[in-house]
Amino acid sequence: MDLGSNTFHLLSADVRNGVIYPLVDAKVAVRIGEGAFADGAISRSAFDRGIDAIEELLAPLGGTKPLTVATGVFREAANAGEFLDEVRRRFDLEVRIISWQEEAELTYRAVCAEALDPDARIAAFDLGGGSLECIIGQHGRVELAQSFPLGALRLARQLEGADMVGRVEQIVTLHAGAMLEQIRAREPEAVVFTSGTARTLLRIARAIGCSEPVVGCLSTSMFVTLALRMATMSPCEAASAGVPASRCDTIGAGAAVFAAIVQRLRVPFVHITQGALREGLALHATERYDLARRASARQRSTADTSAT
């Protein structure tokens, strides 16, 4: 289970040979970071929404305790510990706040598992509610990664009423411009966006009849077009265009971040992937289990040989 600034996700899966077969894949839009990025603390209403969301996500598991991590706002909010203490008390569930570096590593692992050529040099961008992780690596290993306070929820609140596309481009350049230039200089063979915002934009492009030459991809020009359209839409208009209610007021900021990235990278198109942090966690946990099982089998074999 992944507790993010905008959404809480639960994945229960069967993992075989590095392939994830989802059994339960659920999410609840919590927006626990709403207000926290400005005030420094999770509000009481967001606190309660978070507890209710965890109760809802745990219900199908029948008492099984998932491996659970927290990201984004939990690394910043002064009362994050209070929230996690309540989760422990209510659900007997331990939650670990992971660093942005670990979040980037796990996300990149999931992206590479989904890639047609996991050994290629791949640049990945994970846009959450509070932050943007920029990653590039090769052969499934991260070479360079950095996190920036450029999440869609954070920027939407910060820039409410402003020229969204223009202001976001300036802010992305200010914070992440040097990193984007480093990524471009490494000449990635594929550029990947993974986030609910990216997948929403892909659905919108299809809904408005904009076909792309590569399935599951969006061109740079399409990102710019969508950013301009989303920035001027009211929440009602965004909902009519197919944007989920939980993203109607943040989709403009998210689209503008992606448009700024692709323009800086000067790439023709970007892949949109499904895999993200929770899939990376599933792969990592399975590998650790397999290693422990093999180590146990070797110990038993050694013990049997010694006894003989």
C-alpha atoms as a PDB file:
ATOM      1  CA  MET A   1       0.000   0.000   0.000  1.00  0.00           C
ATOM      2  CA  ASP A   2       1.302   3.429  -1.029  1.00  0.00           C
ATOM      3  CA  LEU A   3       0.110   6.482   0.905  1.00  0.00           C
ATOM      4  CA  GLY A   4       0.729   9.482  -1.346  1.00  0.00           C
ATOM      5  CA  SER A   5      -0.044  13.173  -1.068  1.00  0.00           C
ATOM      6  CA  ASN A   6      -3.016  12.935  -3.420  1.00  0.00           C
ATOM      7  CA  THR A   7      -4.026   9.262  -3.571  1.00  0.00           C
ATOM      8  CA  PHE A   8      -3.742   6.119  -1.444  1.00  0.00           C
ATOM      9  CA  HIS A   9      -3.146   2.958  -3.523  1.00  0.00           C
ATOM     10  CA  LEU A  10      -3.392  -0.734  -2.700  1.00  0.00           C
ATOM     11  CA  LEU A  11      -1.960  -3.495  -4.871  1.00  0.00           C
ATOM     12  CA  SER A  12      -2.323  -7.208  -4.154  1.00  0.00           C
ATOM     13  CA  ALA A  13      -0.664  -9.257  -6.866  1.00  0.00           C
ATOM     14  CA  ASP A  14       0.815 -12.539  -7.962  1.00  0.00           C
ATOM     15  CA  VAL A  15       4.361 -11.871  -9.177  1.00  0.00           C
ATOM     16  CA  ARG A  16       5.987 -14.472 -11.417  1.00  0.00           C
ATOM     17  CA  ASN A  17       9.313 -14.062 -13.206  1.00  0.00           C
ATOM     18  CA  GLY A  18       9.175 -10.307 -12.862  1.00  0.00           C
ATOM     19  CA  VAL A  19       5.626 -10.044 -14.251  1.00  0.00           C
ATOM     20  CA  ILE A  20       2.897  -8.586 -12.023  1.00  0.00           C
ATOM     21  CA  TYR A  21      -0.582 -10.130 -12.196  1.00  0.00           C
ATOM     22  CA  PRO A  22      -2.885  -7.847 -10.146  1.00  0.00           C
ATOM     23  CA  LEU A  23      -5.473  -9.474  -7.895  1.00  0.00           C
ATOM     24  CA  VAL A  24      -6.651  -6.279  -6.194  1.00  0.00           C
ATOM     25  CA  ASP A  25      -5.689  -2.868  -7.581  1.00  0.00           C
ATOM     26  CA  ALA A  26      -7.579  -0.130  -5.763  1.00  0.00           C
ATOM     27  CA  LYS A  27      -7.139   3.534  -4.991  1.00  0.00           C
ATOM     28  CA  VAL A  28      -8.872   6.271  -3.040  1.00  0.00           C
ATOM     29  CA  ALA A  29      -8.401   9.979  -3.757  1.00  0.00           C
ATOM     30  CA  VAL A  30      -7.579  11.376  -0.307  1.00  0.00           C
ATOM     31  CA  ARG A  31      -5.745  14.637  -1.055  1.00  0.00           C
ATOM     32  CA  ILE A  32      -4.120  14.416   2.333  1.00  0.00           C
ATOM     33  CA  GLY A  33      -1.595  16.991   1.197  1.00  0.00           C
ATOM     34  CA  GLU A  34      -4.285  19.604   0.612  1.00  0.00           C
ATOM     35  CA  GLY A  35      -3.358  22.540   2.789  1.00  0.00           C
ATOM     36  CA  ALA A  36      -0.365  20.762   4.290  1.00  0.00           C
ATOM     37  CA  PHE A  37       2.131  22.095   1.749  1.00  0.00           C
ATOM     38  CA  ALA A  38       1.182  25.637   2.733  1.00  0.00           C
ATOM     39  CA  ASP A  39       0.461  25.154   6.450  1.00  0.00           C
ATOM     40  CA  GLY A  40       3.074  22.511   7.255  1.00  0.00           C
ATOM     41  CA  ALA A  41       0.565  20.102   8.814  1.00  0.00           C
ATOM     42  CA  ILE A  42      -2.152  17.665   7.726  1.00  0.00           C
ATOM     43  CA  SER A  43      -5.547  19.233   8.410  1.00  0.00           C
ATOM     44  CA  ARG A  44      -8.125  17.510  10.592  1.00  0.00           C
ATOM     45  CA  SER A  45     -10.440  16.859   7.646  1.00  0.00           C
ATOM     46  CA  ALA A  46      -7.599  15.414   5.528  1.00  0.00           C
ATOM     47  CA  PHE A  47      -6.484  13.351   8.540  1.00  0.00           C
ATOM     48  CA  ASP A  48      -9.971  11.809   8.802  1.00  0.00           C
ATOM     49  CA  ARG A  49     -10.178  11.199   5.038  1.00  0.00           C
ATOM     50  CA  GLY A  50      -6.891   9.331   5.226  1.00  0.00           C
ATOM     51  CA  ILE A  51      -8.043   7.033   8.025  1.00  0.00           C
ATOM     52  CA  ASP A  52     -11.318   6.305   6.197  1.00  0.00           C
ATOM     53  CA  ALA A  53      -9.409   5.553   2.976  1.00  0.00           C
ATOM     54  CA  ILE A  54      -7.118   3.037   4.679  1.00  0.00           C
ATOM     55  CA  GLU A  55     -10.118   1.302   6.232  1.00  0.00           C
ATOM     56  CA  GLU A  56     -11.726   1.075   2.783  1.00  0.00           C
ATOM     57  CA  LEU A  57      -8.583  -0.261   1.100  1.00  0.00           C
ATOM     58  CA  LEU A  58      -7.904  -2.877   3.780  1.00  0.00           C
ATOM     59  CA  ALA A  59     -11.451  -4.282   3.705  1.00  0.00           C
ATOM     60  CA  PRO A  60     -10.934  -6.748   0.791  1.00  0.00           C
ATOM     61  CA  LEU A  61      -7.778  -8.214   2.381  1.00  0.00           C
ATOM     62  CA  GLY A  62      -9.559 -10.003   5.201  1.00  0.00           C
ATOM     63  CA  GLY A  63      -7.058  -9.125   7.911  1.00  0.00           C
ATOM     64  CA  THR A  64      -3.885  -9.447   5.830  1.00  0.00           C
ATOM     65  CA  LYS A  65      -1.440  -6.645   6.653  1.00  0.00           C
ATOM     66  CA  PRO A  66       0.098  -5.140   3.508  1.00  0.00           C
ATOM     67  CA  LEU A  67       3.613  -3.792   3.220  1.00  0.00           C
ATOM     68  CA  THR A  68       2.876  -0.067   3.514  1.00  0.00           C
ATOM     69  CA  VAL A  69       4.944   3.003   2.710  1.00  0.00           C
ATOM     70  CA  ALA A  70       4.233   6.729   2.836  1.00  0.00           C
ATOM     71  CA  THR A  71       5.679   9.413   0.579  1.00  0.00           C
ATOM     72  CA  GLY A  72       5.239  13.077  -0.352  1.00  0.00           C
ATOM     73  CA  VAL A  73       3.515  15.064   2.355  1.00  0.00           C
ATOM     74  CA  PHE A  74       4.478  12.548   5.059  1.00  0.00           C
ATOM     75  CA  ARG A  75       8.104  13.581   4.601  1.00  0.00           C
ATOM     76  CA  GLU A  76       7.156  17.203   5.301  1.00  0.00           C
ATOM     77  CA  ALA A  77       4.102  17.480   7.569  1.00  0.00           C
ATOM     78  CA  ALA A  78       4.806  18.232  11.224  1.00  0.00           C
ATOM     79  CA  ASN A  79       2.007  15.893  12.344  1.00  0.00           C
ATOM     80  CA  ALA A  80       2.796  12.978   9.989  1.00  0.00           C
ATOM     81  CA  GLY A  81       3.912  10.918  12.994  1.00  0.00           C
ATOM     82  CA  GLU A  82       0.572  11.531  14.701  1.00  0.00           C
ATOM     83  CA  PHE A  83      -1.262  10.219  11.629  1.00  0.00           C
ATOM     84  CA  LEU A  84       0.901   7.090  11.409  1.00  0.00           C
ATOM     85  CA  ASP A  85       0.467   6.461  15.150  1.00  0.00           C
ATOM     86  CA  GLU A  86      -3.301   6.517  14.615  1.00  0.00           C
ATOM     87  CA  VAL A  87      -2.957   4.083  11.708  1.00  0.00           C
ATOM     88  CA  ARG A  88      -0.928   1.751  13.945  1.00  0.00           C
ATOM     89  CA  ARG A  89      -3.496   1.970  16.739  1.00  0.00           C
ATOM     90  CA  ARG A  90      -6.575   1.548  14.542  1.00  0.00           C
ATOM     91  CA  PHE A  91      -5.353  -1.092  12.095  1.00  0.00           C
ATOM     92  CA  ASP A  92      -2.270  -2.643  13.743  1.00  0.00           C
ATOM     93  CA  LEU A  93      -0.420  -1.537  10.619  1.00  0.00           C
ATOM     94  CA  GLU A  94       3.173  -0.321  10.473  1.00  0.00           C
ATOM     95  CA  VAL A  95       3.827   2.384   7.877  1.00  0.00           C
ATOM     96  CA  ARG A  96       7.337   3.351   6.796  1.00  0.00           C
ATOM     97  CA  ILE A  97       8.055   6.813   5.422  1.00  0.00           C
ATOM     98  CA  ILE A  98      10.473   6.251   2.562  1.00  0.00           C
ATOM     99  CA  SER A  99      12.982   8.753   1.234  1.00  0.00           C
ATOM    100  CA  TRP A 100      12.569  10.267  -2.202  1.00  0.00           C
ATOM    101  CA  GLN A 101      15.681   8.313  -3.259  1.00  0.00           C
ATOM    102  CA  GLU A 102      14.052   4.997  -2.384  1.00  0.00           C
ATOM    103  CA  GLU A 103      10.821   6.113  -4.027  1.00  0.00           C
ATOM    104  CA  ALA A 104      12.758   6.890  -7.223  1.00  0.00           C
ATOM    105  CA  GLU A 105      14.562   3.524  -7.155  1.00  0.00           C
ATOM    106  CA  LEU A 106      11.347   1.533  -6.707  1.00  0.00           C
ATOM    107  CA  THR A 107       9.454   3.525  -9.323  1.00  0.00           C
ATOM    108  CA  TYR A 108      12.277   3.110 -11.825  1.00  0.00           C
ATOM    109  CA  ARG A 109      12.287  -0.626 -11.198  1.00  0.00           C
ATOM    110  CA  ALA A 110       8.588  -0.822 -12.071  1.00  0.00           C
ATOM    111  CA  VAL A 111       9.074   1.301 -15.195  1.00  0.00           C
ATOM    112  CA  CYS A 112      11.898  -0.927 -16.454  1.00  0.00           C
ATOM    113  CA  ALA A 113       9.876  -4.090 -15.791  1.00  0.00           C
ATOM    114  CA  GLU A 114       7.187  -2.713 -18.098  1.00  0.00           C
ATOM    115  CA  ALA A 115       9.568  -1.451 -20.797  1.00  0.00           C
ATOM    116  CA  LEU A 116       9.984  -3.288 -24.105  1.00  0.00           C
ATOM    117  CA  ASP A 117      13.755  -3.035 -23.659  1.00  0.00           C
ATOM    118  CA  PRO A 118      14.577  -2.790 -19.928  1.00  0.00           C
ATOM    119  CA  ASP A 119      18.295  -2.552 -20.736  1.00  0.00           C
ATOM    120  CA  ALA A 120      17.836   0.678 -22.679  1.00  0.00           C
ATOM    121  CA  ARG A 121      18.754   4.064 -21.239  1.00  0.00           C
ATOM    122  CA  ILE A 122      15.386   5.203 -19.890  1.00  0.00           C
ATOM    123  CA  ALA A 123      14.413   8.550 -18.404  1.00  0.00           C
ATOM    124  CA  ALA A 124      11.406   8.380 -16.085  1.00  0.00           C
ATOM    125  CA  PHE A 125       9.327  11.139 -14.503  1.00  0.00           C
ATOM    126  CA  ASP A 126       6.930  10.421 -11.654  1.00  0.00           C
ATOM    127  CA  LEU A 127       4.558  13.292 -10.856  1.00  0.00           C
ATOM    128  CA  GLY A 128       2.759  13.073  -7.537  1.00  0.00           C
ATOM    129  CA  GLY A 129       0.658  15.476  -5.542  1.00  0.00           C
ATOM    130  CA  GLY A 130       3.638  16.988  -3.760  1.00  0.00           C
ATOM    131  CA  SER A 131       6.741  16.234  -5.786  1.00  0.00           C
ATOM    132  CA  LEU A 132       8.242  15.362  -9.143  1.00  0.00           C
ATOM    133  CA  GLU A 133      10.907  12.646  -9.312  1.00  0.00           C
ATOM    134  CA  CYS A 134      13.261  12.830 -12.317  1.00  0.00           C
ATOM    135  CA  ILE A 135      15.272   9.672 -12.982  1.00  0.00           C
ATOM    136  CA  ILE A 136      17.567   8.326 -15.672  1.00  0.00           C
ATOM    137  CA  GLY A 137      19.361   4.998 -15.769  1.00  0.00           C
ATOM    138  CA  GLN A 138      20.327   2.015 -17.863  1.00  0.00           C
ATOM    139  CA  HIS A 139      20.139  -1.780 -17.508  1.00  0.00           C
ATOM    140  CA  GLY A 140      17.450  -1.257 -14.867  1.00  0.00           C
ATOM    141  CA  ARG A 141      19.787   0.720 -12.558  1.00  0.00           C
ATOM    142  CA  VAL A 142      19.373   4.365 -11.614  1.00  0.00           C
ATOM    143  CA  GLU A 143      22.303   6.545 -12.711  1.00  0.00           C
ATOM    144  CA  LEU A 144      20.942   9.925 -11.688  1.00  0.00           C
ATOM    145  CA  ALA A 145      17.833  10.968  -9.776  1.00  0.00           C
ATOM    146  CA  GLN A 146      16.474  14.078  -8.115  1.00  0.00           C
ATOM    147  CA  SER A 147      13.223  15.176  -6.476  1.00  0.00           C
ATOM    148  CA  PHE A 148      11.607  18.605  -6.806  1.00  0.00           C
ATOM    149  CA  PRO A 149       8.641  20.298  -5.040  1.00  0.00           C
ATOM    150  CA  LEU A 150       6.649  20.353  -8.286  1.00  0.00           C
ATOM    151  CA  GLY A 151       3.673  18.118  -7.501  1.00  0.00           C
ATOM    152  CA  ALA A 152       0.353  18.815  -9.201  1.00  0.00           C
ATOM    153  CA  LEU A 153      -1.574  19.425  -5.967  1.00  0.00           C
ATOM    154  CA  ARG A 154       1.137  21.687  -4.557  1.00  0.00           C
ATOM    155  CA  LEU A 155       1.385  23.800  -7.733  1.00  0.00           C
ATOM    156  CA  ALA A 156      -2.378  23.986  -8.278  1.00  0.00           C
ATOM    157  CA  ARG A 157      -2.795  25.555  -4.830  1.00  0.00           C
ATOM    158  CA  GLN A 158       0.261  27.775  -5.189  1.00  0.00           C
ATOM    159  CA  LEU A 159      -0.715  29.136  -8.625  1.00  0.00           C
ATOM    160  CA  GLU A 160      -4.492  29.292  -8.329  1.00  0.00           C
ATOM    161  CA  GLY A 161      -5.780  31.974 -10.681  1.00  0.00           C
ATOM    162  CA  ALA A 162      -2.400  32.520 -12.355  1.00  0.00           C
ATOM    163  CA  ASP A 163      -1.309  31.952 -15.961  1.00  0.00           C
ATOM    164  CA  MET A 164      -0.837  28.257 -15.233  1.00  0.00           C
ATOM    165  CA  VAL A 165       1.157  27.148 -18.274  1.00  0.00           C
ATOM    166  CA  GLY A 166       3.520  30.115 -18.324  1.00  0.00           C
ATOM    167  CA  ARG A 167       4.119  30.159 -14.562  1.00  0.00           C
ATOM    168  CA  VAL A 168       4.637  26.394 -14.340  1.00  0.00           C
ATOM    169  CA  GLU A 169       7.172  26.526 -17.163  1.00  0.00           C
ATOM    170  CA  GLN A 170       9.114  29.193 -15.261  1.00  0.00           C
ATOM    171  CA  ILE A 171       8.985  27.214 -12.000  1.00  0.00           C
ATOM    172  CA  VAL A 172      10.001  23.928 -13.651  1.00  0.00           C
ATOM    173  CA  THR A 173      12.922  25.695 -15.341  1.00  0.00           C
ATOM    174  CA  LEU A 174      13.973  27.304 -12.055  1.00  0.00           C
ATOM    175  CA  HIS A 175      13.881  24.104  -9.994  1.00  0.00           C
ATOM    176  CA  ALA A 176      14.530  21.309 -12.474  1.00  0.00           C
ATOM    177  CA  GLY A 177      16.064  22.982 -15.525  1.00  0.00           C
ATOM    178  CA  ALA A 178      19.627  21.874 -14.773  1.00  0.00           C
ATOM    179  CA  MET A 179      18.513  18.286 -14.125  1.00  0.00           C
ATOM    180  CA  LEU A 180      16.523  18.180 -17.357  1.00  0.00           C
ATOM    181  CA  GLU A 181      19.576  19.384 -19.270  1.00  0.00           C
ATOM    182  CA  GLN A 182      21.653  16.607 -17.703  1.00  0.00           C
ATOM    183  CA  ILE A 183      19.053  14.035 -18.715  1.00  0.00           C
ATOM    184  CA  ARG A 184      18.881  15.395 -22.261  1.00  0.00           C
ATOM    185  CA  ALA A 185      22.680  15.283 -22.543  1.00  0.00           C
ATOM    186  CA  ARG A 186      22.617  11.569 -21.700  1.00  0.00           C
ATOM    187  CA  GLU A 187      20.409  10.974 -24.747  1.00  0.00           C
ATOM    188  CA  PRO A 188      17.772   8.627 -23.310  1.00  0.00           C
ATOM    189  CA  GLU A 189      16.436   5.992 -25.698  1.00  0.00           C
ATOM    190  CA  ALA A 190      12.995   6.259 -24.110  1.00  0.00           C
ATOM    191  CA  VAL A 191      11.247   8.875 -21.978  1.00  0.00           C
ATOM    192  CA  VAL A 192       8.510   7.642 -19.654  1.00  0.00           C
ATOM    193  CA  PHE A 193       5.861   9.425 -17.595  1.00  0.00           C
ATOM    194  CA  THR A 194       4.214   7.468 -14.805  1.00  0.00           C
ATOM    195  CA  SER A 195       1.450   9.007 -12.719  1.00  0.00           C
ATOM    196  CA  GLY A 196      -2.308   9.245 -12.494  1.00  0.00           C
ATOM    197  CA  THR A 197      -2.065  12.631 -14.185  1.00  0.00           C
ATOM    198  CA  ALA A 198      -0.218  11.182 -17.198  1.00  0.00           C
ATOM    199  CA  ARG A 199      -2.683   8.321 -17.569  1.00  0.00           C
ATOM    200  CA  THR A 200      -5.594  10.765 -17.309  1.00  0.00           C
ATOM    201  CA  LEU A 201      -4.112  12.922 -20.091  1.00  0.00           C
ATOM    202  CA  LEU A 202      -3.718   9.837 -22.284  1.00  0.00           C
ATOM    203  CA  ARG A 203      -7.408   8.992 -21.786  1.00  0.00           C
ATOM    204  CA  ILE A 204      -8.454  12.580 -22.546  1.00  0.00           C
ATOM    205  CA  ALA A 205      -6.436  12.613 -25.775  1.00  0.00           C
ATOM    206  CA  ARG A 206      -8.235   9.463 -26.884  1.00  0.00           C
ATOM    207  CA  ALA A 207     -11.617  10.840 -25.824  1.00  0.00           C
ATOM    208  CA  ILE A 208     -11.222  13.994 -27.914  1.00  0.00           C
ATOM    209  CA  GLY A 209     -10.237  11.921 -30.939  1.00  0.00           C
ATOM    210  CA  CYS A 210      -6.508  12.674 -30.999  1.00  0.00           C
ATOM    211  CA  SER A 211      -4.822   9.497 -32.155  1.00  0.00           C
ATOM    212  CA  GLU A 212      -1.058   9.178 -31.791  1.00  0.00           C
ATOM    213  CA  PRO A 213       1.300   7.190 -34.045  1.00  0.00           C
ATOM    214  CA  VAL A 214       2.469   4.989 -31.153  1.00  0.00           C
ATOM    215  CA  VAL A 215      -0.038   3.273 -28.830  1.00  0.00           C
ATOM    216  CA  GLY A 216       0.355   4.319 -25.197  1.00  0.00           C
ATOM    217  CA  CYS A 217       2.336   7.439 -26.112  1.00  0.00           C
ATOM    218  CA  LEU A 218       1.685  11.161 -26.360  1.00  0.00           C
ATOM    219  CA  SER A 219       3.650  13.555 -28.558  1.00  0.00           C
ATOM    220  CA  THR A 220       5.262  16.743 -27.310  1.00  0.00           C
ATOM    221  CA  SER A 221       2.808  18.826 -29.343  1.00  0.00           C
ATOM    222  CA  MET A 222      -0.103  16.930 -27.756  1.00  0.00           C
ATOM    223  CA  PHE A 223       1.201  17.621 -24.245  1.00  0.00           C
ATOM    224  CA  VAL A 224       1.397  21.324 -25.066  1.00  0.00           C
ATOM    225  CA  THR A 225      -2.114  21.263 -26.558  1.00  0.00           C
ATOM    226  CA  LEU A 226      -3.545  19.451 -23.534  1.00  0.00           C
ATOM    227  CA  ALA A 227      -1.763  21.753 -21.096  1.00  0.00           C
ATOM    228  CA  LEU A 228      -3.250  24.817 -22.750  1.00  0.00           C
ATOM    229  CA  ARG A 229      -6.727  23.252 -22.843  1.00  0.00           C
ATOM    230  CA  MET A 230      -6.649  21.971 -19.257  1.00  0.00           C
ATOM    231  CA  ALA A 231      -5.338  25.279 -17.882  1.00  0.00           C
ATOM    232  CA  THR A 232      -8.369  27.196 -19.152  1.00  0.00           C
ATOM    233  CA  MET A 233     -11.009  24.617 -18.204  1.00  0.00           C
ATOM    234  CA  SER A 234     -13.222  25.000 -15.166  1.00  0.00           C
ATOM    235  CA  PRO A 235     -13.562  21.916 -12.917  1.00  0.00           C
ATOM    236  CA  CYS A 236     -17.002  21.329 -14.500  1.00  0.00           C
ATOM    237  CA  GLU A 237     -15.573  21.426 -18.020  1.00  0.00           C
ATOM    238  CA  ALA A 238     -12.702  19.158 -16.993  1.00  0.00           C
ATOM    239  CA  ALA A 239     -15.164  16.618 -15.592  1.00  0.00           C
ATOM    240  CA  SER A 240     -17.119  16.711 -18.873  1.00  0.00           C
ATOM    241  CA  ALA A 241     -13.842  15.994 -20.727  1.00  0.00           C
ATOM    242  CA  GLY A 242     -13.364  12.814 -18.692  1.00  0.00           C
ATOM    243  CA  VAL A 243     -11.149  14.050 -15.867  1.00  0.00           C
ATOM    244  CA  PRO A 244     -11.932  12.287 -12.544  1.00  0.00           C
ATOM    245  CA  ALA A 245     -13.493  14.576  -9.958  1.00  0.00           C
ATOM    246  CA  SER A 246     -10.446  14.189  -7.708  1.00  0.00           C
ATOM    247  CA  ARG A 247      -8.170  15.655 -10.419  1.00  0.00           C
ATOM    248  CA  CYS A 248     -10.364  18.374 -11.945  1.00  0.00           C
ATOM    249  CA  ASP A 249      -8.635  21.209 -10.105  1.00  0.00           C
ATOM    250  CA  THR A 250      -5.077  19.812 -10.418  1.00  0.00           C
ATOM    251  CA  ILE A 251      -4.998  18.423 -13.976  1.00  0.00           C
ATOM    252  CA  GLY A 252      -4.064  21.820 -15.430  1.00  0.00           C
ATOM    253  CA  ALA A 253      -0.979  22.120 -13.222  1.00  0.00           C
ATOM    254  CA  GLY A 254       0.034  18.506 -13.896  1.00  0.00           C
ATOM    255  CA  ALA A 255      -0.373  18.885 -17.664  1.00  0.00           C
ATOM    256  CA  ALA A 256       1.682  22.083 -17.578  1.00  0.00           C
ATOM    257  CA  VAL A 257       4.521  20.323 -15.718  1.00  0.00           C
ATOM    258  CA  PHE A 258       4.637  17.565 -18.331  1.00  0.00           C
ATOM    259  CA  ALA A 259       4.503  20.080 -21.194  1.00  0.00           C
ATOM    260  CA  ALA A 260       7.432  21.973 -19.693  1.00  0.00           C
ATOM    261  CA  ILE A 261       9.453  18.755 -19.323  1.00  0.00           C
ATOM    262  CA  VAL A 262       8.964  17.503 -22.885  1.00  0.00           C
ATOM    263  CA  GLN A 263       9.793  20.892 -24.343  1.00  0.00           C
ATOM    264  CA  ARG A 264      13.031  21.067 -22.340  1.00  0.00           C
ATOM    265  CA  LEU A 265      13.983  17.523 -23.353  1.00  0.00           C
ATOM    266  CA  ARG A 266      13.122  18.133 -27.024  1.00  0.00           C
ATOM    267  CA  VAL A 267      11.805  14.603 -27.520  1.00  0.00           C
ATOM    268  CA  PRO A 268       9.151  13.730 -30.146  1.00  0.00           C
ATOM    269  CA  PHE A 269       6.969  11.634 -27.836  1.00  0.00           C
ATOM    270  CA  VAL A 270       6.711  10.086 -24.371  1.00  0.00           C
ATOM    271  CA  HIS A 271       5.578   6.642 -23.181  1.00  0.00           C
ATOM    272  CA  ILE A 272       2.853   6.535 -20.510  1.00  0.00           C
ATOM    273  CA  THR A 273       3.292   3.529 -18.191  1.00  0.00           C
ATOM    274  CA  GLN A 274       1.085   1.877 -15.596  1.00  0.00           C
ATOM    275  CA  GLY A 275       3.901   0.767 -13.310  1.00  0.00           C
ATOM    276  CA  ALA A 276       4.801   3.037 -10.390  1.00  0.00           C
ATOM    277  CA  LEU A 277       5.852   2.855  -6.755  1.00  0.00           C
ATOM    278  CA  ARG A 278       3.496   0.086  -5.641  1.00  0.00           C
ATOM    279  CA  GLU A 279       4.538  -2.184  -8.531  1.00  0.00           C
ATOM    280  CA  GLY A 280       8.173  -1.517  -7.643  1.00  0.00           C
ATOM    281  CA  LEU A 281       7.408  -2.497  -4.050  1.00  0.00           C
ATOM    282  CA  ALA A 282       5.786  -5.726  -5.224  1.00  0.00           C
ATOM    283  CA  LEU A 283       8.829  -6.635  -7.336  1.00  0.00           C
ATOM    284  CA  HIS A 284      11.244  -5.751  -4.527  1.00  0.00           C
ATOM    285  CA  ALA A 285       9.298  -7.705  -1.895  1.00  0.00           C
ATOM    286  CA  THR A 286       9.061 -10.758  -4.161  1.00  0.00           C
ATOM    287  CA  GLU A 287      12.801 -10.698  -4.839  1.00  0.00           C
ATOM    288  CA  ARG A 288      13.567 -10.509  -1.118  1.00  0.00           C
ATOM    289  CA  TYR A 289      11.201 -13.407  -0.442  1.00  0.00           C
ATOM    290  CA  ASP A 290      12.795 -15.516  -3.202  1.00  0.00           C
ATOM    291  CA  LEU A 291      16.302 -14.784  -1.894  1.00  0.00           C
ATOM    292  CA  ALA A 292      15.287 -15.751   1.648  1.00  0.00           C
ATOM    293  CA  ARG A 293      13.646 -18.930   0.395  1.00  0.00           C
ATOM    294  CA  ARG A 294      16.747 -19.945  -1.595  1.00  0.00           C
ATOM    295  CA  ALA A 295      19.010 -19.172   1.382  1.00  0.00           C
ATOM    296  CA  SER A 296      16.805 -21.330   3.610  1.00  0.00           C
ATOM    297  CA  ALA A 297      16.901 -24.169   1.074  1.00  0.00           C
ATOM    298  CA  ARG A 298      20.726 -23.987   0.966  1.00  0.00           C
ATOM    299  CA  GLN A 299      20.921 -24.087   4.759  1.00  0.00           C
ATOM    300  CA  ARG A 300      18.688 -27.169   4.873  1.00  0.00           C
ATOM    301  CA  SER A 301      20.768 -28.834   2.177  1.00  0.00           C
ATOM    302  CA  THR A 302      23.993 -28.077   4.077  1.00  0.00           C
ATOM    303  CA  ALA A 303      22.488 -29.390   7.302  1.00  0.00           C
ATOM    304  CA  ASP A 304      21.346 -32.608   5.619  1.00  0.00           C
ATOM    305  CA  THR A 305      24.810 -33.127   4.098  1.00  0.00           C
ATOM    306  CA  SER A 306      26.480 -32.571   7.458  1.00  0.00           C
ATOM    307  CA  ALA A 307      24.121 -35.003   9.142  1.00  0.00           C
ATOM    308  CA  THR A 308      24.874 -37.626   6.495  1.00  0.00           C
END
